[in-house]
Protein backbone atom coordinates (compact mmCIF):
# COMPACT_ATOMS: atom_id res chain seq x y z
CA MET A 1 -6.41 -8.72 -14.91
CA ALA A 2 -4.90 -6.98 -11.86
CA THR A 3 -1.95 -4.60 -11.98
CA THR A 4 -0.31 -3.26 -8.82
CA LEU A 5 0.67 0.41 -9.03
CA SER A 6 3.01 2.40 -6.80
CA ALA A 7 1.73 3.61 -3.46
CA THR A 8 1.02 7.31 -3.08
CA SER A 9 0.77 9.68 -0.10
CA VAL A 10 3.46 7.73 1.74
CA GLY A 11 3.89 9.26 5.19
CA ALA A 12 5.32 8.35 8.56
CA THR A 13 2.55 5.88 9.43
CA GLY A 14 0.50 5.35 6.30
CA ALA A 15 0.20 5.19 2.54
CA THR A 16 -2.43 4.82 -0.18
CA LEU A 17 -2.26 1.54 -2.09
CA ASN A 18 -3.16 1.69 -5.78
CA GLY A 19 -3.87 -0.76 -8.58
CA ASN A 20 -5.78 -1.26 -11.81
CA VAL A 21 -8.34 -3.99 -12.40
CA THR A 22 -9.92 -5.02 -15.69
CA ALA A 23 -13.10 -7.03 -15.13
CA ASN A 24 -13.33 -8.43 -18.68
CA GLY A 25 -17.13 -8.16 -18.68
CA LEU A 26 -17.67 -10.04 -15.40
CA SER A 27 -18.74 -8.64 -12.02
CA THR A 28 -15.42 -8.26 -10.19
CA THR A 29 -14.25 -7.47 -6.68
CA ALA A 30 -10.77 -6.26 -5.75
CA TRP A 31 -8.70 -5.91 -2.59
CA PHE A 32 -5.10 -5.44 -1.50
CA GLU A 33 -2.93 -7.96 0.31
CA TRP A 34 -0.22 -6.39 2.46
CA GLY A 35 2.24 -7.10 5.24
CA THR A 36 5.88 -7.19 6.29
CA ASP A 37 6.73 -10.61 4.82
CA PRO A 38 8.66 -10.05 1.56
CA THR A 39 7.48 -13.43 0.22
CA MET A 40 3.82 -12.53 0.90
CA ALA A 41 3.35 -16.00 2.40
CA THR A 42 1.51 -14.27 5.26
CA TYR A 43 -0.42 -11.06 4.76
CA ARG A 44 -3.46 -9.04 5.75
CA SER A 45 -6.22 -8.09 3.33
CA THR A 46 -8.13 -4.85 2.91
CA PRO A 47 -11.92 -4.97 2.57
CA THR A 48 -13.15 -5.94 -0.91
CA GLN A 49 -14.25 -3.22 -3.32
CA ALA A 50 -16.47 -3.49 -6.36
CA ALA A 51 -14.38 -3.14 -9.52
CA GLY A 52 -17.30 -3.21 -11.95
CA SER A 53 -17.98 -5.49 -14.88
CA GLY A 54 -16.64 -3.48 -17.78
CA THR A 55 -13.84 -4.11 -20.21
CA THR A 56 -11.66 -1.11 -19.38
CA SER A 57 -9.17 -0.76 -16.56
CA GLN A 58 -10.52 0.68 -13.29
CA LEU A 59 -8.36 2.36 -10.64
CA VAL A 60 -8.68 0.83 -7.18
CA SER A 61 -7.16 2.54 -4.10
CA PHE A 62 -7.13 1.96 -0.37
CA PRO A 63 -5.61 4.21 2.33
CA LEU A 64 -3.66 2.27 4.97
CA SER A 65 -3.00 3.94 8.31
CA GLY A 66 -1.57 2.94 11.66
CA LEU A 67 1.61 1.49 10.16
CA SER A 68 4.92 1.49 12.06
CA MET A 69 7.56 4.09 11.29
CA GLY A 70 10.79 2.79 9.80
CA MET A 71 9.22 -0.47 8.61
CA THR A 72 9.08 -1.88 5.10
CA TYR A 73 5.73 -3.16 3.90
CA TYR A 74 4.87 -5.20 0.82
CA PHE A 75 1.57 -5.13 -1.06
CA ARG A 76 -0.20 -6.34 -4.18
CA ILE A 77 -3.65 -5.99 -5.64
CA ALA A 78 -5.92 -9.01 -6.06
CA ALA A 79 -9.16 -9.36 -8.02
CA SER A 80 -11.76 -12.08 -8.34
CA ASN A 81 -14.66 -12.83 -10.65
CA GLY A 82 -16.33 -15.85 -12.27
CA SER A 83 -13.08 -16.64 -14.12
CA GLY A 84 -11.06 -16.94 -10.91
CA THR A 85 -8.65 -14.85 -8.83
CA THR A 86 -5.63 -12.97 -10.10
CA ARG A 87 -2.92 -11.04 -8.26
CA GLY A 88 -0.63 -8.23 -9.34
CA ILE A 89 3.09 -8.16 -8.73
CA ARG A 90 4.39 -7.24 -5.27
CA HIS A 91 5.43 -3.66 -4.54
CA ARG A 92 7.30 -2.27 -1.54
CA ILE A 93 6.76 0.76 0.72
CA SER A 94 9.55 1.88 3.03
CA LEU A 95 8.22 4.23 5.68
CA PRO A 96 10.54 6.95 7.01
CA GLU A 97 12.30 6.34 10.29
CA ARG A 98 11.53 8.35 13.35
CA ARG A 99 14.00 11.17 13.91
CA ARG A 100 15.11 12.26 17.32
CA TRP A 101 15.66 15.94 17.98
CA ARG A 102 17.20 17.90 20.83
CA ARG A 103 17.21 21.55 21.85
CA PRO A 104 20.84 22.67 22.06
CA CYS A 105 20.31 26.18 23.41
CA ARG A 106 17.80 28.65 24.79
CA ARG A 107 16.91 29.85 21.31
CA HIS A 108 15.25 26.47 20.78
CA ARG A 109 16.97 25.64 17.55
CA LEU A 110 16.52 22.00 16.67
CA GLU A 111 19.43 19.77 15.71
CA ARG A 112 19.17 16.33 14.25
CA LEU A 113 20.80 13.56 16.31
CA GLU A 114 20.55 10.90 13.62
CA PRO A 115 21.44 11.09 9.94
CA PRO A 116 18.52 11.74 7.55
């Protein structure tokens, strides 16, 4: 069983993807599928991680970096063992947009040019 959890540490160009995997007594690997396609028809995958072989839920995380500011990304966890492959539901991360600033006077106060 694979359950996608919310991303944490969402910043301008990265986030940490999180999920839970229950191996149900079989040696299990897990990974995240992610990309900009909301249908997840095309995606990239993180490296696989060992998720154990126990019967309790294990937290799996992966830090993504190098993402583009202002973009929306979609992700889900996936896990595989001798019983097959299962995927969690899709979650979304919206990264903050880049803000432009200008210096209006000699005192170097910053003013925002775009709305927050």
